[in-house]
Structure formats: structure tokens, C-alpha cells
Amino acid sequence: MPSLQSPGFWQRMRLLLNLPRSTRLLYALLRDNRVPIVNKALFLGLSLMYLLWPLDLFPDLIPLLGELDDITVILFLIDRFVASVPNYVVYEYLDRFE
């Protein structure tokens, strides 16, 4: 588990908070042949399973909290997927998007 002081943690937090850039990165990584198919399948499978699962951590009937748990889980899955990709691949795309 990364410490709060490691540059990788803050790099990923900035990535998650910059939605347009993150979306392009995610799309590029899912299409890249250097990213193992297992990582892609696991990310897509878990994301779809969570979005389609009828039970949530907090029901969507609770204003704000219901949506917040969905966003948190999806951001966590995105973070784990990006962290599982080799750094040089991620940095290559980040440099390209600058």
C-alpha cells in the first residue's frame, strides 16, 4: 500500500481528479497491447459488475451519499487498473496528452 508521501500516490490522485485527461488515459490503456488482457478484463468485469449489481454500499435513495459510494468504488477501480499498468506506458500517454 502506497504511503501518502510517495509521488505515485499524489500522481494518481491528480489523475483521478482530472476527468477529461483520465478518461482519455483510460481509453488509451484499454486499447494498448502492452497492458495485459487479464488486467483489462478484471477492470471491465468488476466495473460492470458493480454498476449492474442491485445492492450498493449506500442505497441511491439517500441523497448524495448514494451516488458518492458509486463514484468512490469506480474511482478506486480506475486507480487500481492504472496502478497495475507498467509505469512507462502510463507516463508515455500522460506525456502525449500534455
PDB file of N, CA and C in Angstrom:
ATOM      1  N   MET A   1       0.847  -1.178   0.000  1.00  0.00           N
ATOM      2  CA  MET A   1       0.000   0.000   0.000  1.00  0.00           C
ATOM      3  C   MET A   1       0.890   1.238   0.000  1.00  0.00           C
ATOM      4  N   PRO A   2       0.611   2.184  -0.936  1.00  0.00           N
ATOM      5  CA  PRO A   2       1.493   3.342  -1.014  1.00  0.00           C
ATOM      6  C   PRO A   2       1.302   4.269   0.168  1.00  0.00           C
ATOM      7  N   SER A   3       2.405   4.888   0.557  1.00  0.00           N
ATOM      8  CA  SER A   3       2.296   5.875   1.627  1.00  0.00           C
ATOM      9  C   SER A   3       1.760   7.169   1.042  1.00  0.00           C
ATOM     10  N   LEU A   4       1.237   8.024   1.908  1.00  0.00           N
ATOM     11  CA  LEU A   4       0.692   9.293   1.445  1.00  0.00           C
ATOM     12  C   LEU A   4       1.767  10.217   0.905  1.00  0.00           C
ATOM     13  N   GLN A   5       3.018   9.934   1.227  1.00  0.00           N
ATOM     14  CA  GLN A   5       4.094  10.815   0.809  1.00  0.00           C
ATOM     15  C   GLN A   5       4.770  10.355  -0.470  1.00  0.00           C
ATOM     16  N   SER A   6       4.391   9.228  -1.012  1.00  0.00           N
ATOM     17  CA  SER A   6       5.029   8.773  -2.238  1.00  0.00           C
ATOM     18  C   SER A   6       4.488   9.556  -3.429  1.00  0.00           C
ATOM     19  N   PRO A   7       5.353   9.926  -4.372  1.00  0.00           N
ATOM     20  CA  PRO A   7       4.898  10.696  -5.526  1.00  0.00           C
ATOM     21  C   PRO A   7       3.850   9.944  -6.336  1.00  0.00           C
ATOM     22  N   GLY A   8       3.921   8.626  -6.355  1.00  0.00           N
ATOM     23  CA  GLY A   8       2.949   7.843  -7.115  1.00  0.00           C
ATOM     24  C   GLY A   8       1.525   8.044  -6.616  1.00  0.00           C
ATOM     25  N   PHE A   9       1.346   8.157  -5.311  1.00  0.00           N
ATOM     26  CA  PHE A   9       0.013   8.358  -4.743  1.00  0.00           C
ATOM     27  C   PHE A   9      -0.569   9.681  -5.210  1.00  0.00           C
ATOM     28  N   TRP A  10       0.208  10.761  -5.100  1.00  0.00           N
ATOM     29  CA  TRP A  10      -0.294  12.079  -5.487  1.00  0.00           C
ATOM     30  C   TRP A  10      -0.487  12.176  -6.988  1.00  0.00           C
ATOM     31  N   GLN A  11       0.359  11.501  -7.745  1.00  0.00           N
ATOM     32  CA  GLN A  11       0.188  11.469  -9.209  1.00  0.00           C
ATOM     33  C   GLN A  11      -1.153  10.818  -9.553  1.00  0.00           C
ATOM     34  N   ARG A  12      -1.476   9.732  -8.887  1.00  0.00           N
ATOM     35  CA  ARG A  12      -2.751   9.055  -9.163  1.00  0.00           C
ATOM     36  C   ARG A  12      -3.935   9.890  -8.690  1.00  0.00           C
ATOM     37  N   MET A  13      -3.790  10.607  -7.580  1.00  0.00           N
ATOM     38  CA  MET A  13      -4.893  11.452  -7.105  1.00  0.00           C
ATOM     39  C   MET A  13      -5.180  12.579  -8.101  1.00  0.00           C
ATOM     40  N   ARG A  14      -4.126  13.199  -8.636  1.00  0.00           N
ATOM     41  CA  ARG A  14      -4.325  14.236  -9.651  1.00  0.00           C
ATOM     42  C   ARG A  14      -4.980  13.648 -10.892  1.00  0.00           C
ATOM     43  N   LEU A  15      -4.567  12.444 -11.239  1.00  0.00           N
ATOM     44  CA  LEU A  15      -5.125  11.764 -12.396  1.00  0.00           C
ATOM     45  C   LEU A  15      -6.617  11.522 -12.217  1.00  0.00           C
ATOM     46  N   LEU A  16      -7.004  11.095 -11.033  1.00  0.00           N
ATOM     47  CA  LEU A  16      -8.412  10.803 -10.782  1.00  0.00           C
ATOM     48  C   LEU A  16      -9.264  12.071 -10.755  1.00  0.00           C
ATOM     49  N   LEU A  17      -8.687  13.177 -10.343  1.00  0.00           N
ATOM     50  CA  LEU A  17      -9.454  14.416 -10.243  1.00  0.00           C
ATOM     51  C   LEU A  17      -9.550  15.171 -11.570  1.00  0.00           C
ATOM     52  N   ASN A  18      -8.735  14.819 -12.535  1.00  0.00           N
ATOM     53  CA  ASN A  18      -8.770  15.458 -13.843  1.00  0.00           C
ATOM     54  C   ASN A  18      -9.505  14.537 -14.816  1.00  0.00           C
ATOM     55  N   LEU A  19     -10.812  14.619 -14.811  1.00  0.00           N
ATOM     56  CA  LEU A  19     -11.652  13.659 -15.524  1.00  0.00           C
ATOM     57  C   LEU A  19     -11.418  13.580 -17.032  1.00  0.00           C
ATOM     58  N   PRO A  20     -11.354  14.667 -17.785  1.00  0.00           N
ATOM     59  CA  PRO A  20     -11.152  14.521 -19.237  1.00  0.00           C
ATOM     60  C   PRO A  20      -9.841  13.818 -19.590  1.00  0.00           C
ATOM     61  N   ARG A  21      -8.784  14.194 -18.926  1.00  0.00           N
ATOM     62  CA  ARG A  21      -7.487  13.560 -19.174  1.00  0.00           C
ATOM     63  C   ARG A  21      -7.503  12.097 -18.727  1.00  0.00           C
ATOM     64  N   SER A  22      -8.128  11.842 -17.592  1.00  0.00           N
ATOM     65  CA  SER A  22      -8.210  10.475 -17.076  1.00  0.00           C
ATOM     66  C   SER A  22      -9.013   9.578 -18.004  1.00  0.00           C
ATOM     67  N   THR A  23     -10.069  10.125 -18.572  1.00  0.00           N
ATOM     68  CA  THR A  23     -10.896   9.344 -19.490  1.00  0.00           C
ATOM     69  C   THR A  23     -10.102   8.964 -20.732  1.00  0.00           C
ATOM     70  N   ARG A  24      -9.354   9.923 -21.274  1.00  0.00           N
ATOM     71  CA  ARG A  24      -8.517   9.617 -22.447  1.00  0.00           C
ATOM     72  C   ARG A  24      -7.446   8.594 -22.109  1.00  0.00           C
ATOM     73  N   LEU A  25      -6.835   8.724 -20.912  1.00  0.00           N
ATOM     74  CA  LEU A  25      -5.821   7.761 -20.495  1.00  0.00           C
ATOM     75  C   LEU A  25      -6.419   6.370 -20.349  1.00  0.00           C
ATOM     76  N   LEU A  26      -7.557   6.292 -19.706  1.00  0.00           N
ATOM     77  CA  LEU A  26      -8.212   5.000 -19.505  1.00  0.00           C
ATOM     78  C   LEU A  26      -8.530   4.347 -20.846  1.00  0.00           C
ATOM     79  N   TYR A  27      -9.079   5.121 -21.769  1.00  0.00           N
ATOM     80  CA  TYR A  27      -9.402   4.599 -23.095  1.00  0.00           C
ATOM     81  C   TYR A  27      -8.137   4.107 -23.805  1.00  0.00           C
ATOM     82  N   ALA A  28      -7.072   4.890 -23.732  1.00  0.00           N
ATOM     83  CA  ALA A  28      -5.816   4.514 -24.390  1.00  0.00           C
ATOM     84  C   ALA A  28      -5.234   3.240 -23.772  1.00  0.00           C
ATOM     85  N   LEU A  29      -5.272   3.136 -22.453  1.00  0.00           N
ATOM     86  CA  LEU A  29      -4.720   1.947 -21.788  1.00  0.00           C
ATOM     87  C   LEU A  29      -5.529   0.701 -22.110  1.00  0.00           C
ATOM     88  N   LEU A  30      -6.836   0.847 -22.226  1.00  0.00           N
ATOM     89  CA  LEU A  30      -7.663  -0.314 -22.563  1.00  0.00           C
ATOM     90  C   LEU A  30      -7.404  -0.800 -23.992  1.00  0.00           C
ATOM     91  N   ARG A  31      -6.944   0.086 -24.854  1.00  0.00           N
ATOM     92  CA  ARG A  31      -6.656  -0.289 -26.240  1.00  0.00           C
ATOM     93  C   ARG A  31      -5.199  -0.707 -26.460  1.00  0.00           C
ATOM     94  N   ASP A  32      -4.328  -0.436 -25.490  1.00  0.00           N
ATOM     95  CA  ASP A  32      -2.899  -0.694 -25.644  1.00  0.00           C
ATOM     96  C   ASP A  32      -2.597  -2.178 -25.493  1.00  0.00           C
ATOM     97  N   ASN A  33      -1.806  -2.708 -26.427  1.00  0.00           N
ATOM     98  CA  ASN A  33      -1.440  -4.133 -26.393  1.00  0.00           C
ATOM     99  C   ASN A  33      -0.419  -4.465 -25.314  1.00  0.00           C
ATOM    100  N   ARG A  34       0.257  -3.456 -24.766  1.00  0.00           N
ATOM    101  CA  ARG A  34       1.258  -3.718 -23.719  1.00  0.00           C
ATOM    102  C   ARG A  34       0.619  -3.930 -22.353  1.00  0.00           C
ATOM    103  N   VAL A  35      -0.646  -3.601 -22.228  1.00  0.00           N
ATOM    104  CA  VAL A  35      -1.374  -3.823 -20.972  1.00  0.00           C
ATOM    105  C   VAL A  35      -1.949  -5.230 -21.024  1.00  0.00           C
ATOM    106  N   PRO A  36      -1.643  -6.055 -20.028  1.00  0.00           N
ATOM    107  CA  PRO A  36      -2.129  -7.437 -20.046  1.00  0.00           C
ATOM    108  C   PRO A  36      -3.658  -7.516 -20.132  1.00  0.00           C
ATOM    109  N   ILE A  37      -4.127  -8.441 -20.936  1.00  0.00           N
ATOM    110  CA  ILE A  37      -5.560  -8.626 -21.146  1.00  0.00           C
ATOM    111  C   ILE A  37      -6.268  -8.980 -19.838  1.00  0.00           C
ATOM    112  N   VAL A  38      -5.568  -9.646 -18.944  1.00  0.00           N
ATOM    113  CA  VAL A  38      -6.149 -10.002 -17.643  1.00  0.00           C
ATOM    114  C   VAL A  38      -6.484  -8.739 -16.852  1.00  0.00           C
ATOM    115  N   ASN A  39      -5.595  -7.768 -16.871  1.00  0.00           N
ATOM    116  CA  ASN A  39      -5.853  -6.508 -16.162  1.00  0.00           C
ATOM    117  C   ASN A  39      -7.063  -5.789 -16.748  1.00  0.00           C
ATOM    118  N   LYS A  40      -7.139  -5.772 -18.079  1.00  0.00           N
ATOM    119  CA  LYS A  40      -8.265  -5.111 -18.740  1.00  0.00           C
ATOM    120  C   LYS A  40      -9.576  -5.821 -18.404  1.00  0.00           C
ATOM    121  N   ALA A  41      -9.563  -7.135 -18.500  1.00  0.00           N
ATOM    122  CA  ALA A  41     -10.781  -7.910 -18.235  1.00  0.00           C
ATOM    123  C   ALA A  41     -11.224  -7.773 -16.782  1.00  0.00           C
ATOM    124  N   LEU A  42     -10.278  -7.785 -15.870  1.00  0.00           N
ATOM    125  CA  LEU A  42     -10.608  -7.643 -14.457  1.00  0.00           C
ATOM    126  C   LEU A  42     -11.219  -6.267 -14.175  1.00  0.00           C
ATOM    127  N   PHE A  43     -10.609  -5.218 -14.718  1.00  0.00           N
ATOM    128  CA  PHE A  43     -11.136  -3.870 -14.529  1.00  0.00           C
ATOM    129  C   PHE A  43     -12.540  -3.741 -15.116  1.00  0.00           C
ATOM    130  N   LEU A  44     -12.710  -4.146 -16.365  1.00  0.00           N
ATOM    131  CA  LEU A  44     -14.017  -4.012 -17.013  1.00  0.00           C
ATOM    132  C   LEU A  44     -15.070  -4.883 -16.335  1.00  0.00           C
ATOM    133  N   GLY A  45     -14.688  -6.096 -15.972  1.00  0.00           N
ATOM    134  CA  GLY A  45     -15.622  -7.003 -15.318  1.00  0.00           C
ATOM    135  C   GLY A  45     -16.084  -6.497 -13.964  1.00  0.00           C
ATOM    136  N   LEU A  46     -15.145  -6.057 -13.147  1.00  0.00           N
ATOM    137  CA  LEU A  46     -15.519  -5.542 -11.823  1.00  0.00           C
ATOM    138  C   LEU A  46     -16.329  -4.261 -11.922  1.00  0.00           C
ATOM    139  N   SER A  47     -15.967  -3.397 -12.865  1.00  0.00           N
ATOM    140  CA  SER A  47     -16.723  -2.145 -13.039  1.00  0.00           C
ATOM    141  C   SER A  47     -18.155  -2.424 -13.466  1.00  0.00           C
ATOM    142  N   LEU A  48     -18.315  -3.273 -14.466  1.00  0.00           N
ATOM    143  CA  LEU A  48     -19.660  -3.613 -14.929  1.00  0.00           C
ATOM    144  C   LEU A  48     -20.459  -4.334 -13.851  1.00  0.00           C
ATOM    145  N   MET A  49     -19.791  -5.239 -13.145  1.00  0.00           N
ATOM    146  CA  MET A  49     -20.486  -5.973 -12.087  1.00  0.00           C
ATOM    147  C   MET A  49     -20.987  -5.010 -11.009  1.00  0.00           C
ATOM    148  N   TYR A  50     -20.161  -4.053 -10.628  1.00  0.00           N
ATOM    149  CA  TYR A  50     -20.588  -3.119  -9.592  1.00  0.00           C
ATOM    150  C   TYR A  50     -21.724  -2.221 -10.089  1.00  0.00           C
ATOM    151  N   LEU A  51     -21.606  -1.745 -11.331  1.00  0.00           N
ATOM    152  CA  LEU A  51     -22.646  -0.858 -11.854  1.00  0.00           C
ATOM    153  C   LEU A  51     -23.976  -1.579 -12.046  1.00  0.00           C
ATOM    154  N   LEU A  52     -23.933  -2.857 -12.376  1.00  0.00           N
ATOM    155  CA  LEU A  52     -25.158  -3.623 -12.609  1.00  0.00           C
ATOM    156  C   LEU A  52     -25.707  -4.297 -11.354  1.00  0.00           C
ATOM    157  N   TRP A  53     -24.880  -4.386 -10.324  1.00  0.00           N
ATOM    158  CA  TRP A  53     -25.281  -5.046  -9.080  1.00  0.00           C
ATOM    159  C   TRP A  53     -26.400  -4.239  -8.418  1.00  0.00           C
ATOM    160  N   PRO A  54     -27.480  -4.893  -8.016  1.00  0.00           N
ATOM    161  CA  PRO A  54     -28.607  -4.138  -7.459  1.00  0.00           C
ATOM    162  C   PRO A  54     -28.363  -3.606  -6.042  1.00  0.00           C
ATOM    163  N   LEU A  55     -27.365  -4.114  -5.360  1.00  0.00           N
ATOM    164  CA  LEU A  55     -27.090  -3.663  -3.997  1.00  0.00           C
ATOM    165  C   LEU A  55     -25.909  -2.717  -3.984  1.00  0.00           C
ATOM    166  N   ASP A  56     -26.007  -1.653  -3.217  1.00  0.00           N
ATOM    167  CA  ASP A  56     -24.934  -0.679  -3.072  1.00  0.00           C
ATOM    168  C   ASP A  56     -24.469  -0.639  -1.626  1.00  0.00           C
ATOM    169  N   LEU A  57     -23.329  -0.003  -1.410  1.00  0.00           N
ATOM    170  CA  LEU A  57     -22.891   0.220  -0.034  1.00  0.00           C
ATOM    171  C   LEU A  57     -23.910   1.104   0.686  1.00  0.00           C
ATOM    172  N   PHE A  58     -24.356   2.144  -0.013  1.00  0.00           N
ATOM    173  CA  PHE A  58     -25.417   3.026   0.481  1.00  0.00           C
ATOM    174  C   PHE A  58     -26.469   3.102  -0.610  1.00  0.00           C
ATOM    175  N   PRO A  59     -27.737   2.904  -0.274  1.00  0.00           N
ATOM    176  CA  PRO A  59     -28.775   2.946  -1.306  1.00  0.00           C
ATOM    177  C   PRO A  59     -28.803   4.305  -2.009  1.00  0.00           C
ATOM    178  N   ASP A  60     -29.133   4.282  -3.303  1.00  0.00           N
ATOM    179  CA  ASP A  60     -29.187   5.523  -4.072  1.00  0.00           C
ATOM    180  C   ASP A  60     -30.327   6.426  -3.628  1.00  0.00           C
ATOM    181  N   LEU A  61     -31.202   5.926  -2.787  1.00  0.00           N
ATOM    182  CA  LEU A  61     -32.294   6.747  -2.270  1.00  0.00           C
ATOM    183  C   LEU A  61     -31.800   7.792  -1.274  1.00  0.00           C
ATOM    184  N   ILE A  62     -30.633   7.564  -0.682  1.00  0.00           N
ATOM    185  CA  ILE A  62     -30.052   8.535   0.248  1.00  0.00           C
ATOM    186  C   ILE A  62     -29.360   9.604  -0.597  1.00  0.00           C
ATOM    187  N   PRO A  63     -29.866  10.849  -0.548  1.00  0.00           N
ATOM    188  CA  PRO A  63     -29.285  11.892  -1.401  1.00  0.00           C
ATOM    189  C   PRO A  63     -27.786  12.072  -1.162  1.00  0.00           C
ATOM    190  N   LEU A  64     -27.070  12.246  -2.226  1.00  0.00           N
ATOM    191  CA  LEU A  64     -25.638  12.477  -2.273  1.00  0.00           C
ATOM    192  C   LEU A  64     -24.810  11.268  -1.837  1.00  0.00           C
ATOM    193  N   LEU A  65     -25.129  10.674  -0.710  1.00  0.00           N
ATOM    194  CA  LEU A  65     -24.348   9.536  -0.211  1.00  0.00           C
ATOM    195  C   LEU A  65     -24.485   8.328  -1.135  1.00  0.00           C
ATOM    196  N   GLY A  66     -25.676   8.133  -1.690  1.00  0.00           N
ATOM    197  CA  GLY A  66     -25.898   7.011  -2.603  1.00  0.00           C
ATOM    198  C   GLY A  66     -25.055   7.109  -3.859  1.00  0.00           C
ATOM    199  N   GLU A  67     -24.916   8.306  -4.408  1.00  0.00           N
ATOM    200  CA  GLU A  67     -24.097   8.497  -5.604  1.00  0.00           C
ATOM    201  C   GLU A  67     -22.620   8.514  -5.255  1.00  0.00           C
ATOM    202  N   LEU A  68     -22.306   9.028  -4.085  1.00  0.00           N
ATOM    203  CA  LEU A  68     -20.912   9.137  -3.675  1.00  0.00           C
ATOM    204  C   LEU A  68     -20.244   7.771  -3.543  1.00  0.00           C
ATOM    205  N   ASP A  69     -20.957   6.774  -3.053  1.00  0.00           N
ATOM    206  CA  ASP A  69     -20.343   5.458  -2.928  1.00  0.00           C
ATOM    207  C   ASP A  69     -20.078   4.845  -4.297  1.00  0.00           C
ATOM    208  N   ASP A  70     -20.973   5.085  -5.267  1.00  0.00           N
ATOM    209  CA  ASP A  70     -20.744   4.582  -6.621  1.00  0.00           C
ATOM    210  C   ASP A  70     -19.498   5.216  -7.232  1.00  0.00           C
ATOM    211  N   ILE A  71     -19.375   6.521  -7.100  1.00  0.00           N
ATOM    212  CA  ILE A  71     -18.227   7.234  -7.642  1.00  0.00           C
ATOM    213  C   ILE A  71     -16.940   6.761  -6.969  1.00  0.00           C
ATOM    214  N   THR A  72     -16.986   6.571  -5.664  1.00  0.00           N
ATOM    215  CA  THR A  72     -15.808   6.131  -4.921  1.00  0.00           C
ATOM    216  C   THR A  72     -15.330   4.760  -5.385  1.00  0.00           C
ATOM    217  N   VAL A  73     -16.246   3.834  -5.555  1.00  0.00           N
ATOM    218  CA  VAL A  73     -15.864   2.485  -5.986  1.00  0.00           C
ATOM    219  C   VAL A  73     -15.290   2.513  -7.399  1.00  0.00           C
ATOM    220  N   ILE A  74     -15.911   3.257  -8.312  1.00  0.00           N
ATOM    221  CA  ILE A  74     -15.410   3.323  -9.680  1.00  0.00           C
ATOM    222  C   ILE A  74     -14.043   3.998  -9.723  1.00  0.00           C
ATOM    223  N   LEU A  75     -13.858   5.077  -8.962  1.00  0.00           N
ATOM    224  CA  LEU A  75     -12.542   5.727  -8.914  1.00  0.00           C
ATOM    225  C   LEU A  75     -11.481   4.796  -8.333  1.00  0.00           C
ATOM    226  N   PHE A  76     -11.862   4.002  -7.345  1.00  0.00           N
ATOM    227  CA  PHE A  76     -10.928   3.027  -6.774  1.00  0.00           C
ATOM    228  C   PHE A  76     -10.521   2.000  -7.831  1.00  0.00           C
ATOM    229  N   LEU A  77     -11.487   1.511  -8.596  1.00  0.00           N
ATOM    230  CA  LEU A  77     -11.182   0.529  -9.640  1.00  0.00           C
ATOM    231  C   LEU A  77     -10.283   1.135 -10.720  1.00  0.00           C
ATOM    232  N   ILE A  78     -10.553   2.383 -11.096  1.00  0.00           N
ATOM    233  CA  ILE A  78      -9.702   3.057 -12.076  1.00  0.00           C
ATOM    234  C   ILE A  78      -8.288   3.200 -11.528  1.00  0.00           C
ATOM    235  N   ASP A  79      -8.167   3.609 -10.269  1.00  0.00           N
ATOM    236  CA  ASP A  79      -6.856   3.765  -9.644  1.00  0.00           C
ATOM    237  C   ASP A  79      -6.091   2.449  -9.644  1.00  0.00           C
ATOM    238  N   ARG A  80      -6.747   1.379  -9.274  1.00  0.00           N
ATOM    239  CA  ARG A  80      -6.079   0.074  -9.230  1.00  0.00           C
ATOM    240  C   ARG A  80      -5.681  -0.384 -10.634  1.00  0.00           C
ATOM    241  N   PHE A  81      -6.523  -0.125 -11.627  1.00  0.00           N
ATOM    242  CA  PHE A  81      -6.188  -0.503 -13.002  1.00  0.00           C
ATOM    243  C   PHE A  81      -4.962   0.264 -13.485  1.00  0.00           C
ATOM    244  N   VAL A  82      -4.955   1.575 -13.311  1.00  0.00           N
ATOM    245  CA  VAL A  82      -3.817   2.389 -13.750  1.00  0.00           C
ATOM    246  C   VAL A  82      -2.555   1.979 -12.990  1.00  0.00           C
ATOM    247  N   ALA A  83      -2.681   1.671 -11.703  1.00  0.00           N
ATOM    248  CA  ALA A  83      -1.523   1.249 -10.911  1.00  0.00           C
ATOM    249  C   ALA A  83      -0.985  -0.104 -11.377  1.00  0.00           C
ATOM    250  N   SER A  84      -1.828  -0.923 -12.002  1.00  0.00           N
ATOM    251  CA  SER A  84      -1.380  -2.247 -12.452  1.00  0.00           C
ATOM    252  C   SER A  84      -0.667  -2.203 -13.803  1.00  0.00           C
ATOM    253  N   VAL A  85      -0.762  -1.078 -14.488  1.00  0.00           N
ATOM    254  CA  VAL A  85      -0.128  -0.918 -15.796  1.00  0.00           C
ATOM    255  C   VAL A  85       1.323  -0.483 -15.580  1.00  0.00           C
ATOM    256  N   PRO A  86       2.252  -0.988 -16.387  1.00  0.00           N
ATOM    257  CA  PRO A  86       3.646  -0.550 -16.241  1.00  0.00           C
ATOM    258  C   PRO A  86       3.759   0.974 -16.318  1.00  0.00           C
ATOM    259  N   ASN A  87       4.580   1.541 -15.430  1.00  0.00           N
ATOM    260  CA  ASN A  87       4.716   2.997 -15.335  1.00  0.00           C
ATOM    261  C   ASN A  87       5.095   3.659 -16.655  1.00  0.00           C
ATOM    262  N   TYR A  88       5.993   3.025 -17.411  1.00  0.00           N
ATOM    263  CA  TYR A  88       6.438   3.670 -18.648  1.00  0.00           C
ATOM    264  C   TYR A  88       5.294   3.818 -19.644  1.00  0.00           C
ATOM    265  N   VAL A  89       4.338   2.914 -19.620  1.00  0.00           N
ATOM    266  CA  VAL A  89       3.184   3.014 -20.520  1.00  0.00           C
ATOM    267  C   VAL A  89       2.292   4.179 -20.091  1.00  0.00           C
ATOM    268  N   VAL A  90       2.026   4.273 -18.792  1.00  0.00           N
ATOM    269  CA  VAL A  90       1.187   5.357 -18.279  1.00  0.00           C
ATOM    270  C   VAL A  90       1.844   6.704 -18.566  1.00  0.00           C
ATOM    271  N   TYR A  91       3.136   6.835 -18.269  1.00  0.00           N
ATOM    272  CA  TYR A  91       3.826   8.107 -18.487  1.00  0.00           C
ATOM    273  C   TYR A  91       3.910   8.464 -19.971  1.00  0.00           C
ATOM    274  N   GLU A  92       4.023   7.463 -20.820  1.00  0.00           N
ATOM    275  CA  GLU A  92       4.038   7.724 -22.265  1.00  0.00           C
ATOM    276  C   GLU A  92       2.745   8.417 -22.694  1.00  0.00           C
ATOM    277  N   TYR A  93       1.615   7.910 -22.216  1.00  0.00           N
ATOM    278  CA  TYR A  93       0.325   8.519 -22.573  1.00  0.00           C
ATOM    279  C   TYR A  93       0.133   9.867 -21.886  1.00  0.00           C
ATOM    280  N   LEU A  94       0.561   9.990 -20.647  1.00  0.00           N
ATOM    281  CA  LEU A  94       0.420  11.272 -19.957  1.00  0.00           C
ATOM    282  C   LEU A  94       1.220  12.360 -20.656  1.00  0.00           C
ATOM    283  N   ASP A  95       2.432  12.017 -21.121  1.00  0.00           N
ATOM    284  CA  ASP A  95       3.246  12.981 -21.862  1.00  0.00           C
ATOM    285  C   ASP A  95       2.572  13.350 -23.188  1.00  0.00           C
ATOM    286  N   ARG A  96       1.956  12.386 -23.812  1.00  0.00           N
ATOM    287  CA  ARG A  96       1.283  12.623 -25.080  1.00  0.00           C
ATOM    288  C   ARG A  96       0.080  13.549 -24.912  1.00  0.00           C
ATOM    289  N   PHE A  97      -0.591  13.473 -23.769  1.00  0.00           N
ATOM    290  CA  PHE A  97      -1.791  14.274 -23.518  1.00  0.00           C
ATOM    291  C   PHE A  97      -1.474  15.683 -23.021  1.00  0.00           C
ATOM    292  N   GLU A  98      -0.229  15.971 -22.720  1.00  0.00           N
ATOM    293  CA  GLU A  98       0.156  17.305 -22.205  1.00  0.00           C
ATOM    294  C   GLU A  98      -0.005  18.348 -23.274  1.00  0.00           C
TER     295      GLU A  98
END
